[in-house]
Amino acid sequence: MALMFHLSVGDVWNTANNIERRYGAAVTGVLCVTASALNAAYQYHNVDALAGDLLGLPMIWFSVATSLVTATWQINPNPTTGERDALYPVAGDAKTEFVWFQG
């Protein structure tokens, strides 16, 4: 369950960061992805140490990704207001649409 939760959190973060370009929420999201990956590795390690260690290896990438996402948020203020986006999800210009529901 921990791995499925981690993958779900990663999908939500991916949408916020890459599709909707909500850079502020993406900073918080990447921290949640990192925490969920750490939890999944810990849960796997409790069952099989090797599995937990292997699942923990992506933590190296998550630390780099966290730095990159944070830097992207810092250098890309909102073009309209000139301020950085909030670090929490807010209603904005981005609109999520599902292709399979469009008629």
N, C-alpha and C. Protein backbone atom coordinates (compact mmCIF):
# COMPACT_ATOMS: atom_id res chain seq x y z
N MET A 1 0.82 -1.19 0.00
CA MET A 1 0.00 0.00 0.00
C MET A 1 0.86 1.26 0.00
N ALA A 2 1.99 1.20 0.71
CA ALA A 2 2.86 2.37 0.78
C ALA A 2 3.41 2.73 -0.59
N LEU A 3 3.74 1.72 -1.39
CA LEU A 3 4.26 2.00 -2.73
C LEU A 3 3.17 2.57 -3.63
N MET A 4 1.96 2.03 -3.54
CA MET A 4 0.86 2.57 -4.34
C MET A 4 0.55 4.01 -3.94
N PHE A 5 0.61 4.30 -2.63
CA PHE A 5 0.40 5.66 -2.17
C PHE A 5 1.47 6.59 -2.73
N HIS A 6 2.72 6.13 -2.68
CA HIS A 6 3.83 6.93 -3.22
C HIS A 6 3.62 7.22 -4.71
N LEU A 7 3.22 6.22 -5.47
CA LEU A 7 3.01 6.42 -6.90
C LEU A 7 1.84 7.39 -7.15
N SER A 8 0.82 7.31 -6.33
CA SER A 8 -0.32 8.23 -6.46
C SER A 8 0.08 9.66 -6.15
N VAL A 9 0.84 9.84 -5.08
CA VAL A 9 1.31 11.18 -4.72
C VAL A 9 2.19 11.73 -5.85
N GLY A 10 3.03 10.87 -6.42
CA GLY A 10 3.89 11.28 -7.53
C GLY A 10 3.09 11.72 -8.75
N ASP A 11 1.99 11.03 -9.04
CA ASP A 11 1.15 11.43 -10.17
C ASP A 11 0.48 12.78 -9.94
N VAL A 12 0.02 13.01 -8.72
CA VAL A 12 -0.60 14.30 -8.41
C VAL A 12 0.44 15.41 -8.53
N TRP A 13 1.64 15.16 -8.00
CA TRP A 13 2.71 16.17 -8.10
C TRP A 13 3.07 16.42 -9.57
N ASN A 14 3.16 15.37 -10.36
CA ASN A 14 3.51 15.52 -11.77
C ASN A 14 2.50 16.41 -12.49
N THR A 15 1.22 16.23 -12.20
CA THR A 15 0.19 17.07 -12.82
C THR A 15 0.34 18.52 -12.39
N ALA A 16 0.54 18.75 -11.10
CA ALA A 16 0.68 20.12 -10.60
C ALA A 16 1.91 20.81 -11.18
N ASN A 17 3.01 20.08 -11.27
CA ASN A 17 4.27 20.67 -11.72
C ASN A 17 4.35 20.80 -13.24
N ASN A 18 4.08 19.73 -13.95
CA ASN A 18 4.36 19.70 -15.38
C ASN A 18 3.18 20.07 -16.27
N ILE A 19 1.97 19.83 -15.81
CA ILE A 19 0.80 20.13 -16.64
C ILE A 19 0.22 21.50 -16.28
N GLU A 20 -0.06 21.70 -14.99
CA GLU A 20 -0.70 22.94 -14.56
C GLU A 20 0.29 24.06 -14.25
N ARG A 21 1.57 23.74 -14.15
CA ARG A 21 2.62 24.72 -13.86
C ARG A 21 2.36 25.49 -12.57
N ARG A 22 1.89 24.79 -11.56
CA ARG A 22 1.69 25.39 -10.23
C ARG A 22 2.97 25.19 -9.44
N TYR A 23 3.93 26.07 -9.65
CA TYR A 23 5.27 25.87 -9.11
C TYR A 23 5.31 25.92 -7.58
N GLY A 24 4.49 26.73 -6.97
CA GLY A 24 4.47 26.80 -5.51
C GLY A 24 3.97 25.50 -4.91
N ALA A 25 2.84 25.02 -5.42
CA ALA A 25 2.30 23.75 -4.93
C ALA A 25 3.23 22.59 -5.27
N ALA A 26 3.99 22.72 -6.35
CA ALA A 26 4.92 21.67 -6.74
C ALA A 26 6.06 21.52 -5.73
N VAL A 27 6.45 22.63 -5.09
CA VAL A 27 7.50 22.55 -4.06
C VAL A 27 7.00 21.70 -2.90
N THR A 28 5.80 21.99 -2.43
CA THR A 28 5.21 21.20 -1.36
C THR A 28 4.98 19.77 -1.82
N GLY A 29 4.54 19.62 -3.06
CA GLY A 29 4.28 18.28 -3.61
C GLY A 29 5.51 17.42 -3.69
N VAL A 30 6.64 17.99 -4.11
CA VAL A 30 7.85 17.17 -4.22
C VAL A 30 8.35 16.75 -2.85
N LEU A 31 8.08 17.56 -1.83
CA LEU A 31 8.41 17.14 -0.47
C LEU A 31 7.52 15.98 -0.04
N CYS A 32 6.26 16.01 -0.45
CA CYS A 32 5.36 14.89 -0.15
C CYS A 32 5.77 13.63 -0.90
N VAL A 33 6.20 13.78 -2.14
CA VAL A 33 6.69 12.63 -2.91
C VAL A 33 7.91 12.02 -2.22
N THR A 34 8.82 12.87 -1.77
CA THR A 34 10.01 12.39 -1.08
C THR A 34 9.64 11.67 0.21
N ALA A 35 8.73 12.24 0.98
CA ALA A 35 8.30 11.61 2.23
C ALA A 35 7.60 10.28 1.98
N SER A 36 6.77 10.22 0.94
CA SER A 36 6.08 8.96 0.65
C SER A 36 7.05 7.90 0.15
N ALA A 37 8.08 8.29 -0.59
CA ALA A 37 9.09 7.34 -1.04
C ALA A 37 9.90 6.82 0.14
N LEU A 38 10.22 7.70 1.06
CA LEU A 38 10.94 7.29 2.26
C LEU A 38 10.10 6.32 3.09
N ASN A 39 8.80 6.60 3.21
CA ASN A 39 7.90 5.70 3.92
C ASN A 39 7.82 4.34 3.24
N ALA A 40 7.70 4.33 1.91
CA ALA A 40 7.62 3.06 1.18
C ALA A 40 8.91 2.25 1.37
N ALA A 41 10.05 2.90 1.29
CA ALA A 41 11.33 2.21 1.50
C ALA A 41 11.41 1.64 2.91
N TYR A 42 10.96 2.41 3.88
CA TYR A 42 10.97 1.94 5.27
C TYR A 42 10.05 0.73 5.45
N GLN A 43 8.86 0.80 4.88
CA GLN A 43 7.92 -0.32 5.01
C GLN A 43 8.47 -1.58 4.34
N TYR A 44 9.09 -1.43 3.18
CA TYR A 44 9.70 -2.57 2.51
C TYR A 44 10.88 -3.10 3.31
N HIS A 45 11.64 -2.20 3.91
CA HIS A 45 12.81 -2.61 4.70
C HIS A 45 12.40 -3.43 5.91
N ASN A 46 11.23 -3.14 6.47
CA ASN A 46 10.73 -3.92 7.60
C ASN A 46 10.46 -5.37 7.21
N VAL A 47 10.14 -5.62 5.95
CA VAL A 47 9.85 -6.97 5.48
C VAL A 47 11.11 -7.64 4.94
N ASP A 48 11.84 -6.91 4.11
CA ASP A 48 13.06 -7.45 3.49
C ASP A 48 14.06 -6.30 3.37
N ALA A 49 15.17 -6.41 4.06
CA ALA A 49 16.15 -5.33 4.11
C ALA A 49 16.66 -4.95 2.71
N LEU A 50 16.94 -5.93 1.88
CA LEU A 50 17.44 -5.63 0.54
C LEU A 50 16.41 -4.85 -0.28
N ALA A 51 15.15 -5.26 -0.20
CA ALA A 51 14.10 -4.56 -0.94
C ALA A 51 14.00 -3.11 -0.47
N GLY A 52 14.07 -2.89 0.82
CA GLY A 52 14.02 -1.53 1.34
C GLY A 52 15.21 -0.70 0.91
N ASP A 53 16.38 -1.32 0.92
CA ASP A 53 17.58 -0.60 0.49
C ASP A 53 17.50 -0.22 -0.98
N LEU A 54 17.03 -1.14 -1.82
CA LEU A 54 16.91 -0.85 -3.24
C LEU A 54 15.85 0.22 -3.51
N LEU A 55 14.75 0.16 -2.77
CA LEU A 55 13.71 1.17 -2.94
C LEU A 55 14.14 2.52 -2.38
N GLY A 56 15.13 2.52 -1.50
CA GLY A 56 15.65 3.76 -0.96
C GLY A 56 16.63 4.47 -1.87
N LEU A 57 17.18 3.78 -2.87
CA LEU A 57 18.15 4.40 -3.77
C LEU A 57 17.61 5.63 -4.51
N PRO A 58 16.36 5.64 -4.94
CA PRO A 58 15.85 6.85 -5.62
C PRO A 58 15.84 8.09 -4.73
N MET A 59 16.05 7.94 -3.44
CA MET A 59 16.09 9.10 -2.55
C MET A 59 17.20 10.07 -2.98
N ILE A 60 18.24 9.55 -3.61
CA ILE A 60 19.31 10.42 -4.12
C ILE A 60 18.71 11.36 -5.18
N TRP A 61 17.92 10.78 -6.10
CA TRP A 61 17.30 11.59 -7.13
C TRP A 61 16.28 12.55 -6.53
N PHE A 62 15.51 12.10 -5.54
CA PHE A 62 14.49 12.96 -4.95
C PHE A 62 15.11 14.18 -4.28
N SER A 63 16.30 14.03 -3.72
CA SER A 63 16.96 15.20 -3.12
C SER A 63 17.35 16.20 -4.21
N VAL A 64 17.82 15.70 -5.35
CA VAL A 64 18.15 16.58 -6.48
C VAL A 64 16.88 17.21 -7.04
N ALA A 65 15.83 16.41 -7.20
CA ALA A 65 14.57 16.92 -7.74
C ALA A 65 13.98 18.00 -6.84
N THR A 66 14.07 17.80 -5.53
CA THR A 66 13.57 18.81 -4.60
C THR A 66 14.31 20.13 -4.79
N SER A 67 15.61 20.07 -4.94
CA SER A 67 16.41 21.27 -5.17
C SER A 67 16.02 21.96 -6.48
N LEU A 68 15.84 21.17 -7.53
CA LEU A 68 15.49 21.73 -8.83
C LEU A 68 14.11 22.37 -8.83
N VAL A 69 13.14 21.69 -8.22
CA VAL A 69 11.78 22.23 -8.19
C VAL A 69 11.74 23.51 -7.36
N THR A 70 12.46 23.52 -6.24
CA THR A 70 12.50 24.72 -5.41
C THR A 70 13.16 25.88 -6.15
N ALA A 71 14.26 25.62 -6.84
CA ALA A 71 14.93 26.66 -7.61
C ALA A 71 14.05 27.17 -8.75
N THR A 72 13.31 26.27 -9.40
CA THR A 72 12.39 26.67 -10.46
C THR A 72 11.32 27.60 -9.93
N TRP A 73 10.79 27.29 -8.75
CA TRP A 73 9.78 28.14 -8.11
C TRP A 73 10.36 29.51 -7.78
N GLN A 74 11.61 29.54 -7.30
CA GLN A 74 12.23 30.80 -6.89
C GLN A 74 12.50 31.73 -8.07
N ILE A 75 12.88 31.18 -9.21
CA ILE A 75 13.26 32.04 -10.34
C ILE A 75 12.12 32.31 -11.32
N ASN A 76 10.94 31.75 -11.06
CA ASN A 76 9.80 31.95 -11.96
C ASN A 76 8.61 32.56 -11.24
N PRO A 77 8.65 33.86 -10.98
CA PRO A 77 7.49 34.49 -10.35
C PRO A 77 6.30 34.53 -11.32
N ASN A 78 5.15 34.78 -10.78
CA ASN A 78 3.94 34.90 -11.58
C ASN A 78 4.11 36.09 -12.53
N PRO A 79 3.94 35.92 -13.84
CA PRO A 79 4.16 37.02 -14.78
C PRO A 79 3.18 38.18 -14.60
N THR A 80 2.02 37.91 -14.05
CA THR A 80 1.03 38.97 -13.87
C THR A 80 1.33 39.81 -12.64
N THR A 81 1.61 39.16 -11.51
CA THR A 81 1.80 39.88 -10.25
C THR A 81 3.26 40.11 -9.90
N GLY A 82 4.15 39.31 -10.46
CA GLY A 82 5.56 39.43 -10.12
C GLY A 82 5.93 38.76 -8.81
N GLU A 83 4.96 38.10 -8.18
CA GLU A 83 5.21 37.40 -6.91
C GLU A 83 5.30 35.90 -7.16
N ARG A 84 5.94 35.22 -6.23
CA ARG A 84 6.02 33.76 -6.32
C ARG A 84 4.66 33.16 -5.99
N ASP A 85 4.38 32.01 -6.59
CA ASP A 85 3.14 31.30 -6.30
C ASP A 85 3.16 30.81 -4.86
N ALA A 86 1.97 30.67 -4.29
CA ALA A 86 1.85 30.16 -2.92
C ALA A 86 2.33 28.71 -2.85
N LEU A 87 2.83 28.32 -1.68
CA LEU A 87 3.33 26.96 -1.49
C LEU A 87 2.21 25.95 -1.21
N TYR A 88 1.00 26.38 -1.31
CA TYR A 88 -0.15 25.50 -1.11
C TYR A 88 -1.06 25.61 -2.34
N PRO A 89 -1.84 24.60 -2.61
CA PRO A 89 -2.71 24.66 -3.79
C PRO A 89 -3.76 25.76 -3.66
N VAL A 90 -3.89 26.55 -4.70
CA VAL A 90 -4.90 27.60 -4.75
C VAL A 90 -5.59 27.55 -6.11
N ALA A 91 -6.79 28.09 -6.16
CA ALA A 91 -7.49 28.20 -7.44
C ALA A 91 -6.77 29.26 -8.26
N GLY A 92 -6.47 28.93 -9.48
CA GLY A 92 -5.75 29.88 -10.32
C GLY A 92 -6.18 29.77 -11.77
N ASP A 93 -5.28 30.13 -12.65
CA ASP A 93 -5.57 30.10 -14.08
C ASP A 93 -5.55 28.69 -14.66
N ALA A 94 -4.83 27.79 -14.02
CA ALA A 94 -4.70 26.43 -14.54
C ALA A 94 -6.03 25.70 -14.44
N LYS A 95 -6.32 24.93 -15.46
CA LYS A 95 -7.57 24.17 -15.48
C LYS A 95 -7.25 22.74 -15.90
N THR A 96 -7.61 21.81 -15.06
CA THR A 96 -7.38 20.40 -15.36
C THR A 96 -8.57 19.88 -16.16
N GLU A 97 -8.27 19.27 -17.28
CA GLU A 97 -9.31 18.69 -18.13
C GLU A 97 -8.95 17.25 -18.43
N PHE A 98 -9.98 16.42 -18.49
CA PHE A 98 -9.78 15.02 -18.81
C PHE A 98 -10.24 14.78 -20.24
N VAL A 99 -9.34 14.35 -21.08
CA VAL A 99 -9.61 14.20 -22.51
C VAL A 99 -10.77 13.24 -22.75
N TRP A 100 -10.85 12.18 -21.98
CA TRP A 100 -11.88 11.17 -22.23
C TRP A 100 -13.29 11.65 -21.85
N PHE A 101 -13.41 12.79 -21.15
CA PHE A 101 -14.72 13.33 -20.82
C PHE A 101 -15.17 14.43 -21.78
N GLN A 102 -14.30 14.79 -22.69
CA GLN A 102 -14.66 15.84 -23.65
C GLN A 102 -15.46 15.22 -24.78
N GLY A 103 -16.50 15.87 -25.17
CA GLY A 103 -17.38 15.29 -26.19
C GLY A 103 -17.15 15.86 -27.48
